[in-house]
Amino acid sequence: MSTVKEQKMEKLETKREMYHLIINGERVESVSGETFTTYNPATGEPVAEVAKGTKEDAERAIQAARQAFDYGKWRHFPVNKRARILNKIASIMRSRFNELVELEILDTGKALTAAQGQVMQAIEDFEFYASAIVGHRGTVNNMPGAFHNFTEKEPVGVCAQIIPWNYPLMMAAWKIAPAIAAGCSVVVKPASLTPLTCIVLAEICHEAGVPEGVVNVVTGSGSEVGNYLVEHPFVDKVAFTGSTPVGKNIMEKASKTLKRVTLELGGKSPNIIFEDADIDAAVNGSLFGIFYNTGQSCEARSRLYVHESVYDQFMEKFVEKTKKLKLGNPFEQDTHVGAIISREQLEVVDGYVKSAIEEGATIVTGGKEAKVEGFENGFWYEPTIIADVNHQMKVVKEEIFGPVVVVMKFNDEKEVIKLANDSKYGLGSAIWTKDHARAIRVAKQIQAGIVMINSPFSAFPGTPFGGYKQSGFGRELCIETLDLYTETKSILSYYGSRPLNPFGV
């Protein structure tokens, strides 16, 4: 076994042929000795071999995290020392920015500009929590008489963190940064399709000075490794980003040991274009809102509602620009839309589009698998716009997770609010209007955790990210996230001169 902390940075190449589990600060093979291959979705070609974790490996990682938390020094570091190490993590990531971007593209097939933005936000997440933890403190509360009460924030313990495949590095940063800032230890399970940058991030954490056992990474299937982490009695908290059905299953399993749970789940986010909107801005924002990251975003604005008076004007421009989007080499700056993550997911997307056709919808543009010159063996789907739909259709009700948007007309504000809220999901939403009073009025009535007004961007470090209804609960990416990784201890003392004798005996 090779110790990550002791190796020099130049020996920790970001891109390599073999990636190991990270347990107790060491690169280790799986107990089984098995590996699996990751593939580049843009080409269908192998990227690397990865150690295939098992329940036995998860047990090793949990024990390492438990030991580090119960008997280690990380949770006892002054917050300013933990903050310095988080900033060091960010600094190392910045120095290896291009390497991380390259690896993220190879692992996911996403476009260069998307990968660059996501790696940058991952860096900024560590910088944000380095600052936030310094000001995260308890309170002193007013008490009657000679009593004094104050509260302290203590780390919750060992956290299992399950990462999705659509934003591998950024989602890992969203979870690891606040957890270790708070003083917790973590066992991270990356998605099997995209584990590479998460493994490298754990190595960088140790490189920066995070003690052994605080950040562990175990690959493997969700059904084996994921479930083992969720059910283990030594795990105090679970944070999961992924589909709503899996989230429900995790919640049920975690309830047996009353773990704290944070769930960031599916979405079917509405995008509302009012009659007074800046049409060009709304078109550009709507284009980004659905086709960014190839539509593989939980808060993708996949339900588009356009006021009937501007519908034709909007659609003409929206369709024209959609047809101009470039699918191609993910490493080229002018590529807009990258690959679908896998053949299986591509078939899921295509299945939804075919169901729309069967139910009477109209494919305005796209609607089929794309063939990209030079990338014929990759997984590509044309940016797709579907019209003539209603709320009984699968493409309107269910999350597709691909570059597909459904478009509907509306007549007035009351109607569109009702349509927007007619979903089991409640993650993101967007409003386009020049009327600020209307924007705020509608925003307050939308049943979603995130409302974007005249903006396609849903999150920056410091803005709460999370959903209503079956989009989950808990907020990430903000100061309040630290509360999800801490317990509040109330300490009450008496300083009066007369001894207390409540029973009077």
Foldseek 3Di string as FASTA:
>chain_A
DAALQPDDPVVLQLFDAEAAWQAQRDGDAEPVNDWDWAFQQLFRHTRHIYHAHFLVVLVRLLVLQQCCQPPNCLQVDDLLVLLQLLLQLLVVLVVCVVSQLVLLCRLFQWASVLSSVLSVQLSVLSNLLSVLLNPDFWAWDDDPDQKTKIKGWGFQEEEEEEEESLRQSNSLSLPLRLQSSRPYAYEYEYAPSHCRSSSSSLSSSSNSPDGTSRYTYHYHDCVGSVLSQLQDLSHQEYEYEEALVVVVVSVVNNVVNDHQYFYQHAAAAAEEEEPAFPLVLSLVLLLCQQCHSQNQDRRRNQEYEYAPVCVVVNVVVNVVVLVVAAEEDSHDPRHGHTFHSDPVLLVLLLVLLVQCVVVPKDWPDWNAWDAYPPNRNHHGGRQTEIEPDDCVGCSNADRSSGNYHYYYYDHDLVVVLVVRQPYQWAFEYEYGHPDVVSQVVSVVSRQHPFYHYSHNDTDHQARWGHTPGSSTDDTTRHSCNSVSRIDMDMDMDGDDPDDDDPVVD
